[in-house]
Full PDB file with SEQRES, HELIX, SHEET, SSBOND, CRYST1, ORIGX, SCALE, CONECT and MASTER records, all heavy atoms in Angstrom:
SEQRES   1 A   34  LYS GLN CYS GLN LEU ASP PRO ALA LEU PRO ILE LEU VAL          
SEQRES   2 A   34  LEU MET ASP ILE GLU MET GLN ARG MET ASP GLY LEU ALA          
SEQRES   3 A   34  ALA THR ARG GLU ILE VAL ALA ALA                              
HELIX    1 AA1 GLN A    2  LEU A    5  5                                   4    
HELIX    2 AA2 GLY A   24  ALA A   33  1                                  10    
CRYST1    1.000    1.000    1.000  90.00  90.00  90.00 P 1           1          
ORIGX1      1.000000  0.000000  0.000000        0.00000                         
ORIGX2      0.000000  1.000000  0.000000        0.00000                         
ORIGX3      0.000000  0.000000  1.000000        0.00000                         
SCALE1      1.000000  0.000000  0.000000        0.00000                         
SCALE2      0.000000  1.000000  0.000000        0.00000                         
SCALE3      0.000000  0.000000  1.000000        0.00000                         
ATOM      1  N   LYS A   1      55.228-119.735 108.586  1.00  0.00           N  
ATOM      2  CA  LYS A   1      53.715-119.838 108.422  1.00  0.00           C  
ATOM      3  C   LYS A   1      53.101-119.333 109.885  1.00  0.00           C  
ATOM      4  O   LYS A   1      52.311-118.571 109.981  1.00  0.00           O  
ATOM      5  CB  LYS A   1      53.178-121.153 108.173  1.00  0.00           C  
ATOM      6  CG  LYS A   1      51.677-121.271 107.972  1.00  0.00           C  
ATOM      7  CD  LYS A   1      51.309-122.688 107.709  1.00  0.00           C  
ATOM      8  CE  LYS A   1      51.341-122.771 106.104  1.00  0.00           C  
ATOM      9  NZ  LYS A   1      50.835-124.244 105.745  1.00  0.00           N  
ATOM     10  N   GLN A   2      53.718-119.942 110.946  1.00  0.00           N  
ATOM     11  CA  GLN A   2      53.134-119.557 112.319  1.00  0.00           C  
ATOM     12  C   GLN A   2      53.324-118.086 112.644  1.00  0.00           C  
ATOM     13  O   GLN A   2      52.616-117.447 113.224  1.00  0.00           O  
ATOM     14  CB  GLN A   2      53.782-120.407 113.383  1.00  0.00           C  
ATOM     15  CG  GLN A   2      53.440-121.989 113.290  1.00  0.00           C  
ATOM     16  CD  GLN A   2      54.221-122.834 114.261  1.00  0.00           C  
ATOM     17  OE1 GLN A   2      55.246-122.444 114.713  1.00  0.00           O  
ATOM     18  NE2 GLN A   2      53.770-124.093 114.332  1.00  0.00           N  
ATOM     19  N   CYS A   3      54.506-117.598 112.118  1.00  0.00           N  
ATOM     20  CA  CYS A   3      54.810-116.213 112.441  1.00  0.00           C  
ATOM     21  C   CYS A   3      53.850-115.279 111.627  1.00  0.00           C  
ATOM     22  O   CYS A   3      53.712-114.042 111.999  1.00  0.00           O  
ATOM     23  CB  CYS A   3      56.292-115.847 111.998  1.00  0.00           C  
ATOM     24  SG  CYS A   3      57.525-116.608 113.106  1.00  0.00           S  
ATOM     25  N   GLN A   4      53.231-115.733 110.642  1.00  0.00           N  
ATOM     26  CA  GLN A   4      52.373-114.864 109.808  1.00  0.00           C  
ATOM     27  C   GLN A   4      51.104-114.625 110.418  1.00  0.00           C  
ATOM     28  O   GLN A   4      50.231-113.749 109.974  1.00  0.00           O  
ATOM     29  CB  GLN A   4      52.050-115.682 108.429  1.00  0.00           C  
ATOM     30  CG  GLN A   4      53.272-115.606 107.535  1.00  0.00           C  
ATOM     31  CD  GLN A   4      53.626-114.150 107.053  1.00  0.00           C  
ATOM     32  OE1 GLN A   4      52.616-113.421 106.558  1.00  0.00           O  
ATOM     33  NE2 GLN A   4      54.790-113.836 107.141  1.00  0.00           N  
ATOM     34  N   LEU A   5      50.854-115.246 111.583  1.00  0.00           N  
ATOM     35  CA  LEU A   5      49.599-115.015 112.397  1.00  0.00           C  
ATOM     36  C   LEU A   5      49.585-113.607 113.002  1.00  0.00           C  
ATOM     37  O   LEU A   5      48.527-113.070 113.299  1.00  0.00           O  
ATOM     38  CB  LEU A   5      49.491-116.029 113.471  1.00  0.00           C  
ATOM     39  CG  LEU A   5      49.410-117.369 113.176  1.00  0.00           C  
ATOM     40  CD1 LEU A   5      49.414-118.394 114.275  1.00  0.00           C  
ATOM     41  CD2 LEU A   5      48.130-117.664 112.221  1.00  0.00           C  
ATOM     42  N   ASP A   6      50.757-113.013 113.021  1.00  0.00           N  
ATOM     43  CA  ASP A   6      50.816-111.596 113.402  1.00  0.00           C  
ATOM     44  C   ASP A   6      51.365-110.746 112.327  1.00  0.00           C  
ATOM     45  O   ASP A   6      52.580-110.493 112.227  1.00  0.00           O  
ATOM     46  CB  ASP A   6      51.688-111.366 114.665  1.00  0.00           C  
ATOM     47  CG  ASP A   6      51.743-109.944 115.192  1.00  0.00           C  
ATOM     48  OD1 ASP A   6      51.105-109.003 114.576  1.00  0.00           O  
ATOM     49  OD2 ASP A   6      52.269-109.744 116.336  1.00  0.00           O  
ATOM     50  N   PRO A   7      50.429-110.269 111.373  1.00  0.00           N  
ATOM     51  CA  PRO A   7      50.909-109.607 110.113  1.00  0.00           C  
ATOM     52  C   PRO A   7      51.692-108.338 110.407  1.00  0.00           C  
ATOM     53  O   PRO A   7      52.346-107.765 109.640  1.00  0.00           O  
ATOM     54  CB  PRO A   7      49.749-109.367 109.389  1.00  0.00           C  
ATOM     55  CG  PRO A   7      48.589-109.502 110.338  1.00  0.00           C  
ATOM     56  CD  PRO A   7      49.088-110.365 111.456  1.00  0.00           C  
ATOM     57  N   ALA A   8      51.609-107.745 111.682  1.00  0.00           N  
ATOM     58  CA  ALA A   8      52.243-106.474 112.011  1.00  0.00           C  
ATOM     59  C   ALA A   8      53.699-106.701 112.394  1.00  0.00           C  
ATOM     60  O   ALA A   8      54.558-105.823 112.488  1.00  0.00           O  
ATOM     61  CB  ALA A   8      51.534-105.822 113.217  1.00  0.00           C  
ATOM     62  N   LEU A   9      54.043-108.007 112.598  1.00  0.00           N  
ATOM     63  CA  LEU A   9      55.498-108.193 112.885  1.00  0.00           C  
ATOM     64  C   LEU A   9      56.159-108.719 111.712  1.00  0.00           C  
ATOM     65  O   LEU A   9      56.025-109.755 111.027  1.00  0.00           O  
ATOM     66  CB  LEU A   9      55.399-109.563 113.886  1.00  0.00           C  
ATOM     67  CG  LEU A   9      56.631-109.881 114.570  1.00  0.00           C  
ATOM     68  CD1 LEU A   9      57.066-108.825 115.516  1.00  0.00           C  
ATOM     69  CD2 LEU A   9      56.406-111.134 115.336  1.00  0.00           C  
ATOM     70  N   PRO A  10      57.146-107.819 111.221  1.00  0.00           N  
ATOM     71  CA  PRO A  10      58.002-108.199 110.152  1.00  0.00           C  
ATOM     72  C   PRO A  10      58.996-109.389 110.452  1.00  0.00           C  
ATOM     73  O   PRO A  10      59.404-109.539 111.542  1.00  0.00           O  
ATOM     74  CB  PRO A  10      58.722-106.896 109.761  1.00  0.00           C  
ATOM     75  CG  PRO A  10      58.564-105.990 110.845  1.00  0.00           C  
ATOM     76  CD  PRO A  10      57.463-106.495 111.785  1.00  0.00           C  
ATOM     77  N   ILE A  11      59.190-110.155 109.406  1.00  0.00           N  
ATOM     78  CA  ILE A  11      60.002-111.359 109.647  1.00  0.00           C  
ATOM     79  C   ILE A  11      61.206-111.271 108.756  1.00  0.00           C  
ATOM     80  O   ILE A  11      61.066-111.099 107.458  1.00  0.00           O  
ATOM     81  CB  ILE A  11      59.270-112.690 109.364  1.00  0.00           C  
ATOM     82  CG1 ILE A  11      57.964-112.685 110.048  1.00  0.00           C  
ATOM     83  CG2 ILE A  11      60.072-113.865 109.648  1.00  0.00           C  
ATOM     84  CD1 ILE A  11      56.947-113.724 109.654  1.00  0.00           C  
ATOM     85  N   LEU A  12      62.504-111.559 109.319  1.00  0.00           N  
ATOM     86  CA  LEU A  12      63.593-111.720 108.598  1.00  0.00           C  
ATOM     87  C   LEU A  12      64.130-113.157 108.873  1.00  0.00           C  
ATOM     88  O   LEU A  12      64.139-113.551 109.876  1.00  0.00           O  
ATOM     89  CB  LEU A  12      64.597-110.791 108.954  1.00  0.00           C  
ATOM     90  CG  LEU A  12      66.011-110.845 108.312  1.00  0.00           C  
ATOM     91  CD1 LEU A  12      65.896-110.712 106.787  1.00  0.00           C  
ATOM     92  CD2 LEU A  12      67.074-109.989 109.025  1.00  0.00           C  
ATOM     93  N   VAL A  13      64.339-113.917 107.749  1.00  0.00           N  
ATOM     94  CA  VAL A  13      64.921-115.212 107.863  1.00  0.00           C  
ATOM     95  C   VAL A  13      66.495-115.194 107.539  1.00  0.00           C  
ATOM     96  O   VAL A  13      66.848-114.684 106.369  1.00  0.00           O  
ATOM     97  CB  VAL A  13      64.220-116.179 106.932  1.00  0.00           C  
ATOM     98  CG1 VAL A  13      64.725-117.631 106.995  1.00  0.00           C  
ATOM     99  CG2 VAL A  13      62.710-116.087 107.141  1.00  0.00           C  
ATOM    100  N   LEU A  14      67.301-115.736 108.380  1.00  0.00           N  
ATOM    101  CA  LEU A  14      68.667-116.014 108.145  1.00  0.00           C  
ATOM    102  C   LEU A  14      68.861-117.541 107.901  1.00  0.00           C  
ATOM    103  O   LEU A  14      68.617-118.307 108.747  1.00  0.00           O  
ATOM    104  CB  LEU A  14      69.497-115.472 109.270  1.00  0.00           C  
ATOM    105  CG  LEU A  14      69.425-114.065 109.588  1.00  0.00           C  
ATOM    106  CD1 LEU A  14      70.317-113.687 110.885  1.00  0.00           C  
ATOM    107  CD2 LEU A  14      69.989-113.119 108.421  1.00  0.00           C  
ATOM    108  N   MET A  15      69.088-117.893 106.655  1.00  0.00           N  
ATOM    109  CA  MET A  15      69.027-119.323 106.203  1.00  0.00           C  
ATOM    110  C   MET A  15      70.303-119.853 105.693  1.00  0.00           C  
ATOM    111  O   MET A  15      70.948-119.336 104.737  1.00  0.00           O  
ATOM    112  CB  MET A  15      68.048-119.361 105.005  1.00  0.00           C  
ATOM    113  CG  MET A  15      67.786-120.695 104.440  1.00  0.00           C  
ATOM    114  SD  MET A  15      66.427-121.538 105.299  1.00  0.00           S  
ATOM    115  CE  MET A  15      64.986-120.620 104.783  1.00  0.00           C  
ATOM    116  N   ASP A  16      70.615-121.005 106.403  1.00  0.00           N  
ATOM    117  CA  ASP A  16      71.847-121.779 105.901  1.00  0.00           C  
ATOM    118  C   ASP A  16      71.393-122.546 104.607  1.00  0.00           C  
ATOM    119  O   ASP A  16      70.242-122.593 104.278  1.00  0.00           O  
ATOM    120  CB  ASP A  16      72.190-122.737 106.901  1.00  0.00           C  
ATOM    121  CG  ASP A  16      73.498-123.482 106.668  1.00  0.00           C  
ATOM    122  OD1 ASP A  16      74.262-123.086 105.861  1.00  0.00           O  
ATOM    123  OD2 ASP A  16      73.702-124.551 107.279  1.00  0.00           O  
ATOM    124  N   ILE A  17      72.353-122.976 103.890  1.00  0.00           N  
ATOM    125  CA  ILE A  17      72.045-123.700 102.605  1.00  0.00           C  
ATOM    126  C   ILE A  17      72.061-125.105 102.812  1.00  0.00           C  
ATOM    127  O   ILE A  17      71.043-125.869 102.512  1.00  0.00           O  
ATOM    128  CB  ILE A  17      72.996-123.337 101.423  1.00  0.00           C  
ATOM    129  CG1 ILE A  17      72.772-121.945 101.103  1.00  0.00           C  
ATOM    130  CG2 ILE A  17      72.804-124.249 100.261  1.00  0.00           C  
ATOM    131  CD1 ILE A  17      73.716-121.505 100.023  1.00  0.00           C  
ATOM    132  N   GLU A  18      73.118-125.739 103.483  1.00  0.00           N  
ATOM    133  CA  GLU A  18      73.265-127.203 103.537  1.00  0.00           C  
ATOM    134  C   GLU A  18      72.682-127.783 104.864  1.00  0.00           C  
ATOM    135  O   GLU A  18      73.225-127.519 105.966  1.00  0.00           O  
ATOM    136  CB  GLU A  18      74.835-127.578 103.489  1.00  0.00           C  
ATOM    137  CG  GLU A  18      75.393-127.231 102.232  1.00  0.00           C  
ATOM    138  CD  GLU A  18      76.922-127.485 102.226  1.00  0.00           C  
ATOM    139  OE1 GLU A  18      77.530-127.366 103.334  1.00  0.00           O  
ATOM    140  OE2 GLU A  18      77.438-127.866 101.169  1.00  0.00           O  
ATOM    141  N   MET A  19      71.417-128.428 104.763  1.00  0.00           N  
ATOM    142  CA  MET A  19      70.801-128.971 105.844  1.00  0.00           C  
ATOM    143  C   MET A  19      70.098-130.158 105.470  1.00  0.00           C  
ATOM    144  O   MET A  19      69.788-130.449 104.418  1.00  0.00           O  
ATOM    145  CB  MET A  19      69.745-127.924 106.381  1.00  0.00           C  
ATOM    146  CG  MET A  19      70.438-126.547 106.924  1.00  0.00           C  
ATOM    147  SD  MET A  19      69.185-125.411 107.517  1.00  0.00           S  
ATOM    148  CE  MET A  19      68.544-124.890 105.919  1.00  0.00           C  
ATOM    149  N   GLN A  20      69.672-131.051 106.619  1.00  0.00           N  
ATOM    150  CA  GLN A  20      69.024-132.174 106.337  1.00  0.00           C  
ATOM    151  C   GLN A  20      67.666-131.982 106.019  1.00  0.00           C  
ATOM    152  O   GLN A  20      67.074-130.748 106.212  1.00  0.00           O  
ATOM    153  CB  GLN A  20      69.121-133.173 107.664  1.00  0.00           C  
ATOM    154  CG  GLN A  20      70.496-133.637 107.873  1.00  0.00           C  
ATOM    155  CD  GLN A  20      71.108-134.418 106.805  1.00  0.00           C  
ATOM    156  OE1 GLN A  20      70.363-135.393 106.283  1.00  0.00           O  
ATOM    157  NE2 GLN A  20      72.314-134.176 106.591  1.00  0.00           N  
ATOM    158  N   ARG A  21      66.771-132.861 105.610  1.00  0.00           N  
ATOM    159  CA  ARG A  21      65.307-132.785 105.290  1.00  0.00           C  
ATOM    160  C   ARG A  21      65.054-131.870 104.070  1.00  0.00           C  
ATOM    161  O   ARG A  21      64.665-132.451 102.982  1.00  0.00           O  
ATOM    162  CB  ARG A  21      64.500-132.542 106.415  1.00  0.00           C  
ATOM    163  CG  ARG A  21      64.268-133.833 107.405  1.00  0.00           C  
ATOM    164  CD  ARG A  21      63.181-133.573 108.234  1.00  0.00           C  
ATOM    165  NE  ARG A  21      63.032-132.439 108.951  1.00  0.00           N  
ATOM    166  CZ  ARG A  21      61.844-131.870 109.533  1.00  0.00           C  
ATOM    167  NH1 ARG A  21      60.767-132.565 109.351  1.00  0.00           N  
ATOM    168  NH2 ARG A  21      61.733-130.741 110.038  1.00  0.00           N  
ATOM    169  N   MET A  22      65.392-130.544 104.348  1.00  0.00           N  
ATOM    170  CA  MET A  22      65.084-129.625 103.223  1.00  0.00           C  
ATOM    171  C   MET A  22      66.207-128.615 103.403  1.00  0.00           C  
ATOM    172  O   MET A  22      66.430-128.032 104.368  1.00  0.00           O  
ATOM    173  CB  MET A  22      63.797-128.917 103.387  1.00  0.00           C  
ATOM    174  CG  MET A  22      63.582-127.856 102.314  1.00  0.00           C  
ATOM    175  SD  MET A  22      62.058-126.920 102.613  1.00  0.00           S  
ATOM    176  CE  MET A  22      60.833-128.178 101.763  1.00  0.00           C  
ATOM    177  N   ASP A  23      66.964-128.480 102.229  1.00  0.00           N  
ATOM    178  CA  ASP A  23      68.044-127.417 102.236  1.00  0.00           C  
ATOM    179  C   ASP A  23      67.456-126.061 102.204  1.00  0.00           C  
ATOM    180  O   ASP A  23      66.258-125.799 101.841  1.00  0.00           O  
ATOM    181  CB  ASP A  23      69.100-127.775 100.982  1.00  0.00           C  
ATOM    182  CG  ASP A  23      68.559-127.427  99.729  1.00  0.00           C  
ATOM    183  OD1 ASP A  23      68.076-126.269  99.440  1.00  0.00           O  
ATOM    184  OD2 ASP A  23      68.522-128.335  98.935  1.00  0.00           O  
ATOM    185  N   GLY A  24      68.386-125.085 102.297  1.00  0.00           N  
ATOM    186  CA  GLY A  24      67.950-123.672 102.401  1.00  0.00           C  
ATOM    187  C   GLY A  24      67.448-123.047 101.094  1.00  0.00           C  
ATOM    188  O   GLY A  24      66.671-122.235 101.223  1.00  0.00           O  
ATOM    189  N   LEU A  25      68.060-123.520 100.067  1.00  0.00           N  
ATOM    190  CA  LEU A  25      67.462-122.898  98.789  1.00  0.00           C  
ATOM    191  C   LEU A  25      66.163-123.439  98.449  1.00  0.00           C  
ATOM    192  O   LEU A  25      65.402-122.599  98.048  1.00  0.00           O  
ATOM    193  CB  LEU A  25      68.535-123.375  97.624  1.00  0.00           C  
ATOM    194  CG  LEU A  25      69.926-122.834  97.705  1.00  0.00           C  
ATOM    195  CD1 LEU A  25      70.721-123.376  96.557  1.00  0.00           C  
ATOM    196  CD2 LEU A  25      69.876-121.320  97.776  1.00  0.00           C  
ATOM    197  N   ALA A  26      65.835-124.691  98.790  1.00  0.00           N  
ATOM    198  CA  ALA A  26      64.354-125.151  98.545  1.00  0.00           C  
ATOM    199  C   ALA A  26      63.441-124.419  99.485  1.00  0.00           C  
ATOM    200  O   ALA A  26      62.445-124.102  99.054  1.00  0.00           O  
ATOM    201  CB  ALA A  26      64.422-126.692  98.864  1.00  0.00           C  
ATOM    202  N   ALA A  27      63.919-124.278 100.698  1.00  0.00           N  
ATOM    203  CA  ALA A  27      63.045-123.639 101.720  1.00  0.00           C  
ATOM    204  C   ALA A  27      62.843-122.179 101.290  1.00  0.00           C  
ATOM    205  O   ALA A  27      61.698-121.662 101.339  1.00  0.00           O  
ATOM    206  CB  ALA A  27      63.668-123.756 103.138  1.00  0.00           C  
ATOM    207  N   THR A  28      63.910-121.430 100.824  1.00  0.00           N  
ATOM    208  CA  THR A  28      63.726-120.151 100.432  1.00  0.00           C  
ATOM    209  C   THR A  28      62.728-120.023  99.208  1.00  0.00           C  
ATOM    210  O   THR A  28      61.874-119.113  99.273  1.00  0.00           O  
ATOM    211  CB  THR A  28      65.054-119.525 100.012  1.00  0.00           C  
ATOM    212  OG1 THR A  28      66.011-119.604 101.173  1.00  0.00           O  
ATOM    213  CG2 THR A  28      64.930-118.207  99.374  1.00  0.00           C  
ATOM    214  N   ARG A  29      62.941-120.940  98.297  1.00  0.00           N  
ATOM    215  CA  ARG A  29      62.060-120.878  97.050  1.00  0.00           C  
ATOM    216  C   ARG A  29      60.492-121.236  97.541  1.00  0.00           C  
ATOM    217  O   ARG A  29      59.658-120.261  97.130  1.00  0.00           O  
ATOM    218  CB  ARG A  29      62.346-122.009  96.088  1.00  0.00           C  
ATOM    219  CG  ARG A  29      63.399-121.670  95.121  1.00  0.00           C  
ATOM    220  CD  ARG A  29      63.521-122.760  94.008  1.00  0.00           C  
ATOM    221  NE  ARG A  29      63.951-124.129  94.457  1.00  0.00           N  
ATOM    222  CZ  ARG A  29      65.297-124.312  94.688  1.00  0.00           C  
ATOM    223  NH1 ARG A  29      66.135-123.413  94.485  1.00  0.00           N  
ATOM    224  NH2 ARG A  29      65.552-125.516  95.152  1.00  0.00           N  
ATOM    225  N   GLU A  30      60.254-122.073  98.596  1.00  0.00           N  
ATOM    226  CA  GLU A  30      58.865-122.230  98.965  1.00  0.00           C  
ATOM    227  C   GLU A  30      58.387-121.028  99.767  1.00  0.00           C  
ATOM    228  O   GLU A  30      57.137-120.670  99.642  1.00  0.00           O  
ATOM    229  CB  GLU A  30      58.781-123.568  99.851  1.00  0.00           C  
ATOM    230  CG  GLU A  30      58.983-124.702  98.935  1.00  0.00           C  
ATOM    231  CD  GLU A  30      58.496-126.009  99.511  1.00  0.00           C  
ATOM    232  OE1 GLU A  30      57.483-125.932 100.349  1.00  0.00           O  
ATOM    233  OE2 GLU A  30      59.037-126.994  99.225  1.00  0.00           O  
ATOM    234  N   ILE A  31      59.185-120.435 100.733  1.00  0.00           N  
ATOM    235  CA  ILE A  31      58.762-119.381 101.496  1.00  0.00           C  
ATOM    236  C   ILE A  31      58.398-118.075 100.652  1.00  0.00           C  
ATOM    237  O   ILE A  31      57.447-117.549 100.698  1.00  0.00           O  
ATOM    238  CB  ILE A  31      59.831-118.966 102.529  1.00  0.00           C  
ATOM    239  CG1 ILE A  31      59.876-120.038 103.680  1.00  0.00           C  
ATOM    240  CG2 ILE A  31      59.579-117.646 103.139  1.00  0.00           C  
ATOM    241  CD1 ILE A  31      61.000-119.806 104.568  1.00  0.00           C  
ATOM    242  N   VAL A  32      59.317-117.937  99.710  1.00  0.00           N  
ATOM    243  CA  VAL A  32      59.098-116.681  98.650  1.00  0.00           C  
ATOM    244  C   VAL A  32      57.957-116.957  97.828  1.00  0.00           C  
ATOM    245  O   VAL A  32      57.158-116.057  97.541  1.00  0.00           O  
ATOM    246  CB  VAL A  32      60.485-116.440  98.072  1.00  0.00           C  
ATOM    247  CG1 VAL A  32      60.189-115.282  96.890  1.00  0.00           C  
ATOM    248  CG2 VAL A  32      61.472-115.757  99.014  1.00  0.00           C  
ATOM    249  N   ALA A  33      57.663-118.128  97.384  1.00  0.00           N  
ATOM    250  CA  ALA A  33      56.570-118.370  96.551  1.00  0.00           C  
ATOM    251  C   ALA A  33      55.293-118.233  97.266  1.00  0.00           C  
ATOM    252  O   ALA A  33      54.222-117.794  96.757  1.00  0.00           O  
ATOM    253  CB  ALA A  33      56.601-119.921  96.044  1.00  0.00           C  
ATOM    254  N   ALA A  34      55.241-118.636  98.524  1.00  0.00           N  
ATOM    255  CA  ALA A  34      54.019-118.539  99.310  1.00  0.00           C  
ATOM    256  C   ALA A  34      53.787-117.003  99.953  1.00  0.00           C  
ATOM    257  O   ALA A  34      52.709-116.588 100.185  1.00  0.00           O  
ATOM    258  CB  ALA A  34      54.013-119.536 100.531  1.00  0.00           C  
TER     259      ALA A  34                                                      
MASTER        0    0    0    2    0    0    0    6  258    1    0    3          
END                                                                             
């Protein structure tokens, strides 16, 4: 969300799956939905 402040800057996310608090699949779903 913070990186979206500069729309000219493309963003690539390299996401692990198994993590505490929120796993990578849940985070991917939320990022792509938004």
